N, C-alpha and C. Protein backbone atom coordinates (compact mmCIF):
# COMPACT_ATOMS: atom_id res chain seq x y z
N MET A 1 98.81 57.67 74.93
CA MET A 1 99.54 58.14 76.10
C MET A 1 98.71 59.23 76.78
N VAL A 2 98.54 59.14 78.08
CA VAL A 2 97.78 60.12 78.84
C VAL A 2 98.73 61.19 79.35
N ASN A 3 98.40 62.43 79.08
CA ASN A 3 99.20 63.56 79.55
C ASN A 3 98.91 63.77 81.02
N SER A 4 99.91 64.10 81.81
CA SER A 4 99.72 64.28 83.25
C SER A 4 98.76 65.40 83.59
N SER A 5 98.53 66.34 82.66
CA SER A 5 97.61 67.44 82.95
C SER A 5 96.17 67.09 82.59
N GLU A 6 95.96 65.90 82.00
CA GLU A 6 94.61 65.49 81.64
C GLU A 6 93.83 65.09 82.88
N VAL A 7 92.54 65.36 82.84
CA VAL A 7 91.63 64.98 83.92
C VAL A 7 90.50 64.22 83.25
N PRO A 8 90.05 63.10 83.83
CA PRO A 8 88.94 62.36 83.22
C PRO A 8 87.70 63.25 83.07
N TYR A 9 86.91 62.98 82.03
CA TYR A 9 85.70 63.75 81.78
C TYR A 9 84.82 63.78 83.01
N GLY A 10 84.30 64.95 83.31
CA GLY A 10 83.40 65.11 84.44
C GLY A 10 84.08 65.41 85.75
N GLU A 11 85.38 65.21 85.84
CA GLU A 11 86.09 65.46 87.10
C GLU A 11 86.69 66.87 87.10
N LYS A 12 86.59 67.52 88.25
CA LYS A 12 87.12 68.87 88.39
C LYS A 12 88.63 68.85 88.54
N LYS A 13 89.28 69.82 87.91
CA LYS A 13 90.69 70.08 88.15
C LYS A 13 90.73 71.41 88.87
N GLU A 14 91.08 71.38 90.15
CA GLU A 14 91.09 72.60 90.96
C GLU A 14 92.17 73.55 90.46
N LYS A 15 91.83 74.82 90.46
CA LYS A 15 92.73 75.90 90.06
C LYS A 15 92.70 76.95 91.17
N PRO A 16 93.70 77.82 91.27
CA PRO A 16 93.68 78.86 92.32
C PRO A 16 92.49 79.80 92.20
N TRP A 17 91.94 79.93 91.00
CA TRP A 17 90.82 80.84 90.73
C TRP A 17 89.47 80.13 90.72
N GLY A 18 89.46 78.81 90.86
CA GLY A 18 88.21 78.04 90.82
C GLY A 18 88.49 76.63 90.36
N TYR A 19 87.88 76.23 89.23
CA TYR A 19 88.15 74.91 88.68
C TYR A 19 87.83 74.87 87.20
N GLU A 20 88.34 73.82 86.54
CA GLU A 20 87.91 73.50 85.19
C GLU A 20 87.45 72.05 85.20
N ARG A 21 86.49 71.74 84.33
CA ARG A 21 85.95 70.38 84.26
C ARG A 21 85.80 70.00 82.78
N PRO A 22 86.57 69.03 82.30
CA PRO A 22 86.42 68.57 80.93
C PRO A 22 85.07 67.87 80.76
N LEU A 23 84.37 68.19 79.67
CA LEU A 23 83.05 67.62 79.45
C LEU A 23 82.99 66.68 78.25
N ALA A 24 83.62 67.05 77.14
CA ALA A 24 83.53 66.22 75.94
C ALA A 24 84.62 66.62 74.95
N GLU A 25 84.87 65.71 74.02
CA GLU A 25 85.82 65.98 72.94
C GLU A 25 85.33 65.29 71.68
N PHE A 26 85.43 65.99 70.56
CA PHE A 26 85.02 65.41 69.28
C PHE A 26 85.91 65.98 68.18
N GLN A 27 86.61 65.13 67.50
CA GLN A 27 87.47 65.49 66.36
C GLN A 27 88.38 66.67 66.66
N GLY A 28 89.05 66.61 67.81
CA GLY A 28 90.03 67.63 68.17
C GLY A 28 89.46 68.90 68.77
N VAL A 29 88.13 68.95 68.95
CA VAL A 29 87.49 70.09 69.60
C VAL A 29 87.08 69.64 71.00
N PHE A 30 87.39 70.46 71.97
CA PHE A 30 87.26 70.10 73.37
C PHE A 30 86.28 71.05 74.04
N LEU A 31 85.37 70.50 74.84
CA LEU A 31 84.41 71.30 75.59
C LEU A 31 84.71 71.15 77.07
N LYS A 32 84.82 72.28 77.77
CA LYS A 32 85.01 72.21 79.21
C LYS A 32 84.31 73.36 79.89
N GLU A 33 84.11 73.17 81.17
CA GLU A 33 83.46 74.16 82.03
C GLU A 33 84.55 74.83 82.84
N LEU A 34 84.51 76.16 82.91
CA LEU A 34 85.43 76.92 83.76
C LEU A 34 84.59 77.64 84.81
N TYR A 35 84.95 77.46 86.06
CA TYR A 35 84.28 78.18 87.14
C TYR A 35 85.31 79.10 87.78
N LEU A 36 85.01 80.41 87.79
CA LEU A 36 85.93 81.39 88.37
C LEU A 36 85.26 82.05 89.57
N GLN A 37 85.96 82.05 90.69
CA GLN A 37 85.45 82.67 91.92
C GLN A 37 85.69 84.17 91.88
N LYS A 38 84.70 84.90 92.35
CA LYS A 38 84.81 86.36 92.46
C LYS A 38 86.10 86.73 93.20
N ASP A 39 86.71 87.83 92.81
CA ASP A 39 87.91 88.39 93.45
C ASP A 39 89.15 87.51 93.28
N THR A 40 89.19 86.72 92.22
CA THR A 40 90.40 85.99 91.84
C THR A 40 90.77 86.45 90.43
N ALA A 41 91.77 85.83 89.83
CA ALA A 41 92.13 86.15 88.45
C ALA A 41 92.92 84.99 87.86
N SER A 42 92.75 84.80 86.57
CA SER A 42 93.63 83.86 85.88
C SER A 42 94.99 84.53 85.71
N SER A 43 95.95 83.80 85.23
CA SER A 43 97.23 84.43 84.88
C SER A 43 97.01 85.28 83.62
N PHE A 44 97.91 86.21 83.39
CA PHE A 44 97.95 86.92 82.11
C PHE A 44 98.77 86.01 81.22
N HIS A 45 98.16 85.47 80.18
CA HIS A 45 98.80 84.42 79.40
C HIS A 45 98.32 84.42 77.96
N TYR A 46 98.90 83.52 77.19
CA TYR A 46 98.44 83.27 75.82
C TYR A 46 98.73 81.83 75.48
N HIS A 47 98.21 81.40 74.36
CA HIS A 47 98.44 80.05 73.86
C HIS A 47 99.05 80.15 72.47
N GLU A 48 100.05 79.33 72.21
CA GLU A 48 100.69 79.35 70.90
C GLU A 48 99.78 78.80 69.81
N LYS A 49 98.99 77.76 70.13
CA LYS A 49 98.16 77.10 69.12
C LYS A 49 96.69 77.02 69.50
N LYS A 50 96.38 77.02 70.77
CA LYS A 50 95.01 76.80 71.21
C LYS A 50 94.10 77.96 70.81
N ASP A 51 92.95 77.60 70.27
CA ASP A 51 91.91 78.54 69.86
C ASP A 51 90.76 78.36 70.84
N GLU A 52 90.30 79.43 71.49
CA GLU A 52 89.27 79.33 72.53
C GLU A 52 88.03 80.15 72.17
N PHE A 53 86.88 79.58 72.49
CA PHE A 53 85.60 80.27 72.38
C PHE A 53 84.90 80.15 73.73
N PHE A 54 84.49 81.27 74.31
CA PHE A 54 83.82 81.28 75.61
C PHE A 54 82.35 81.63 75.45
N TYR A 55 81.52 80.98 76.24
CA TYR A 55 80.11 81.34 76.39
C TYR A 55 79.85 81.49 77.88
N ILE A 56 79.36 82.64 78.32
CA ILE A 56 79.14 82.91 79.74
C ILE A 56 77.77 82.35 80.14
N ILE A 57 77.79 81.31 80.97
CA ILE A 57 76.55 80.69 81.47
C ILE A 57 75.90 81.61 82.51
N TYR A 58 76.71 82.04 83.48
CA TYR A 58 76.25 83.04 84.45
C TYR A 58 77.44 83.78 85.00
N GLY A 59 77.17 84.95 85.58
CA GLY A 59 78.21 85.75 86.19
C GLY A 59 78.56 86.96 85.35
N LYS A 60 79.64 87.59 85.75
CA LYS A 60 80.15 88.79 85.09
C LYS A 60 81.66 88.74 85.15
N LEU A 61 82.30 89.09 84.08
CA LEU A 61 83.73 88.86 83.92
C LEU A 61 84.37 90.04 83.20
N ARG A 62 85.46 90.56 83.77
CA ARG A 62 86.28 91.54 83.06
C ARG A 62 87.40 90.77 82.40
N VAL A 63 87.60 91.02 81.13
CA VAL A 63 88.63 90.32 80.36
C VAL A 63 89.61 91.33 79.81
N VAL A 64 90.89 91.10 80.07
CA VAL A 64 91.95 91.90 79.48
C VAL A 64 92.44 91.14 78.26
N LEU A 65 92.39 91.83 77.11
CA LEU A 65 92.87 91.28 75.84
C LEU A 65 93.99 92.19 75.35
N GLY A 66 95.23 91.80 75.64
CA GLY A 66 96.35 92.68 75.32
C GLY A 66 96.25 93.94 76.15
N LYS A 67 96.05 95.10 75.51
CA LYS A 67 95.92 96.38 76.22
C LYS A 67 94.47 96.85 76.30
N LYS A 68 93.55 96.03 75.81
CA LYS A 68 92.14 96.36 75.77
C LYS A 68 91.41 95.59 76.88
N GLU A 69 90.32 96.18 77.41
CA GLU A 69 89.50 95.49 78.41
C GLU A 69 88.06 95.49 77.96
N ILE A 70 87.38 94.36 78.21
CA ILE A 70 85.95 94.26 77.93
C ILE A 70 85.28 93.59 79.13
N THR A 71 83.97 93.77 79.24
CA THR A 71 83.20 93.10 80.28
C THR A 71 82.20 92.17 79.61
N LEU A 72 82.14 90.94 80.11
CA LEU A 72 81.20 89.95 79.59
C LEU A 72 80.17 89.62 80.66
N ASN A 73 78.94 89.43 80.22
CA ASN A 73 77.83 89.07 81.10
C ASN A 73 77.20 87.77 80.63
N GLN A 74 76.26 87.27 81.39
CA GLN A 74 75.53 86.06 81.04
C GLN A 74 75.05 86.13 79.59
N GLY A 75 75.33 85.07 78.82
CA GLY A 75 74.91 84.99 77.43
C GLY A 75 75.89 85.55 76.43
N ASP A 76 76.91 86.27 76.89
CA ASP A 76 77.92 86.82 75.98
C ASP A 76 78.89 85.73 75.52
N THR A 77 79.52 85.98 74.39
CA THR A 77 80.52 85.06 73.83
C THR A 77 81.80 85.84 73.54
N LEU A 78 82.89 85.09 73.45
CA LEU A 78 84.19 85.70 73.15
C LEU A 78 85.06 84.67 72.45
N HIS A 79 85.74 85.09 71.40
CA HIS A 79 86.73 84.26 70.72
C HIS A 79 88.11 84.77 71.09
N ILE A 80 88.98 83.87 71.54
CA ILE A 80 90.37 84.22 71.84
C ILE A 80 91.26 83.38 70.92
N PRO A 81 91.81 83.99 69.88
CA PRO A 81 92.64 83.23 68.93
C PRO A 81 94.02 82.94 69.50
N PRO A 82 94.74 82.00 68.90
CA PRO A 82 96.11 81.73 69.33
C PRO A 82 96.95 83.01 69.31
N GLY A 83 97.80 83.16 70.32
CA GLY A 83 98.69 84.32 70.40
C GLY A 83 98.09 85.53 71.10
N GLN A 84 96.77 85.54 71.33
CA GLN A 84 96.12 86.68 71.99
C GLN A 84 96.37 86.63 73.51
N GLN A 85 97.07 87.61 74.03
CA GLN A 85 97.30 87.68 75.48
C GLN A 85 95.98 88.02 76.16
N HIS A 86 95.69 87.31 77.26
CA HIS A 86 94.43 87.53 77.95
C HIS A 86 94.52 87.18 79.43
N ARG A 87 93.61 87.79 80.18
CA ARG A 87 93.48 87.52 81.62
C ARG A 87 92.02 87.70 82.00
N LEU A 88 91.53 86.83 82.86
CA LEU A 88 90.13 86.83 83.27
C LEU A 88 90.01 87.27 84.73
N TYR A 89 89.14 88.25 84.97
CA TYR A 89 88.85 88.76 86.32
C TYR A 89 87.35 88.62 86.58
N PRO A 90 86.92 87.60 87.31
CA PRO A 90 85.50 87.47 87.59
C PRO A 90 85.02 88.54 88.57
N LEU A 91 84.02 89.32 88.16
CA LEU A 91 83.45 90.36 89.01
C LEU A 91 82.36 89.76 89.90
N GLU A 92 81.89 88.58 89.53
CA GLU A 92 80.96 87.76 90.30
C GLU A 92 81.43 86.32 90.10
N ASN A 93 80.94 85.38 90.89
CA ASN A 93 81.20 83.98 90.59
C ASN A 93 80.68 83.74 89.18
N THR A 94 81.52 83.14 88.33
CA THR A 94 81.22 83.07 86.91
C THR A 94 81.45 81.65 86.38
N LEU A 95 80.50 81.18 85.58
CA LEU A 95 80.62 79.87 84.93
C LEU A 95 80.68 80.09 83.42
N ILE A 96 81.70 79.50 82.80
CA ILE A 96 81.95 79.65 81.37
C ILE A 96 81.99 78.27 80.73
N LEU A 97 81.40 78.14 79.56
CA LEU A 97 81.65 76.98 78.71
C LEU A 97 82.73 77.38 77.73
N GLU A 98 83.79 76.60 77.68
CA GLU A 98 84.88 76.86 76.74
C GLU A 98 84.89 75.77 75.68
N LEU A 99 84.87 76.19 74.45
CA LEU A 99 85.01 75.29 73.31
C LEU A 99 86.32 75.66 72.64
N GLY A 100 87.19 74.70 72.46
CA GLY A 100 88.48 75.05 71.88
C GLY A 100 89.23 73.85 71.36
N THR A 101 90.34 74.15 70.73
CA THR A 101 91.20 73.08 70.27
C THR A 101 91.94 72.53 71.48
N ARG A 102 92.17 71.25 71.50
CA ARG A 102 92.80 70.62 72.66
C ARG A 102 94.31 70.67 72.51
N MET A 103 94.94 71.41 73.41
CA MET A 103 96.39 71.55 73.40
C MET A 103 96.89 71.46 74.84
N PHE A 104 97.87 70.62 75.06
CA PHE A 104 98.50 70.55 76.38
C PHE A 104 99.89 71.16 76.28
N GLY A 105 100.33 71.80 77.36
CA GLY A 105 101.64 72.43 77.36
C GLY A 105 101.70 73.69 76.52
N ASP A 106 100.54 74.31 76.30
CA ASP A 106 100.43 75.45 75.38
C ASP A 106 100.17 76.76 76.12
N VAL A 107 100.20 76.75 77.45
CA VAL A 107 99.97 77.97 78.23
C VAL A 107 101.31 78.67 78.45
N ILE A 108 101.41 79.91 78.01
CA ILE A 108 102.59 80.73 78.24
C ILE A 108 102.16 81.86 79.17
N ARG A 109 102.59 81.79 80.43
CA ARG A 109 102.19 82.81 81.42
C ARG A 109 103.16 83.98 81.38
N ILE A 110 102.58 85.17 81.33
CA ILE A 110 103.35 86.41 81.36
C ILE A 110 103.46 86.89 82.80
N THR A 111 102.33 86.90 83.51
CA THR A 111 102.29 87.18 84.95
C THR A 111 101.29 86.23 85.60
N ASP A 112 101.55 85.92 86.86
CA ASP A 112 100.68 84.99 87.58
C ASP A 112 100.73 85.32 89.06
N ASP A 113 99.56 85.45 89.68
CA ASP A 113 99.48 85.77 91.10
C ASP A 113 99.75 84.58 92.00
N TYR A 114 99.88 83.39 91.41
CA TYR A 114 99.96 82.17 92.21
C TYR A 114 101.30 81.43 92.05
N ASP A 115 102.28 82.09 91.50
CA ASP A 115 103.63 81.54 91.36
C ASP A 115 103.67 80.19 90.63
N ARG A 116 102.83 80.04 89.62
CA ARG A 116 102.86 78.82 88.82
C ARG A 116 103.93 78.95 87.75
N PRO A 117 104.33 77.84 87.14
CA PRO A 117 105.38 77.89 86.10
C PRO A 117 104.97 78.79 84.94
N SER A 118 105.97 79.37 84.26
CA SER A 118 105.68 80.27 83.15
C SER A 118 105.16 79.51 81.92
N ARG A 119 105.43 78.23 81.87
CA ARG A 119 104.92 77.40 80.76
C ARG A 119 104.30 76.14 81.33
N GLU A 120 103.10 75.83 80.84
CA GLU A 120 102.42 74.64 81.35
C GLU A 120 101.60 74.02 80.25
């Protein structure tokens, strides 16, 4: 069964902050590209089960992790475990490779600048 939020490999799924593009999947591990436009932001959210690993291809990104903030640059990596509240603020146009467990319907939004549903 195909989930309505799935996008075929290689095709962009437009987001208010840029896009995501699924690249590959192997044994429950999913690789995708995230492109974030400068002066936008993801929602402040968490995942109940999804485990995420980011690698910054290019750009600069401020990341809020709960009450802590860090800045990531080209070549930096970040692990975001399930339950970790986070928000991404690109300080420049930023491209990220995300490696993670594939979960649909696992986004719990705490705040969102784009009036999207609190759960997706």
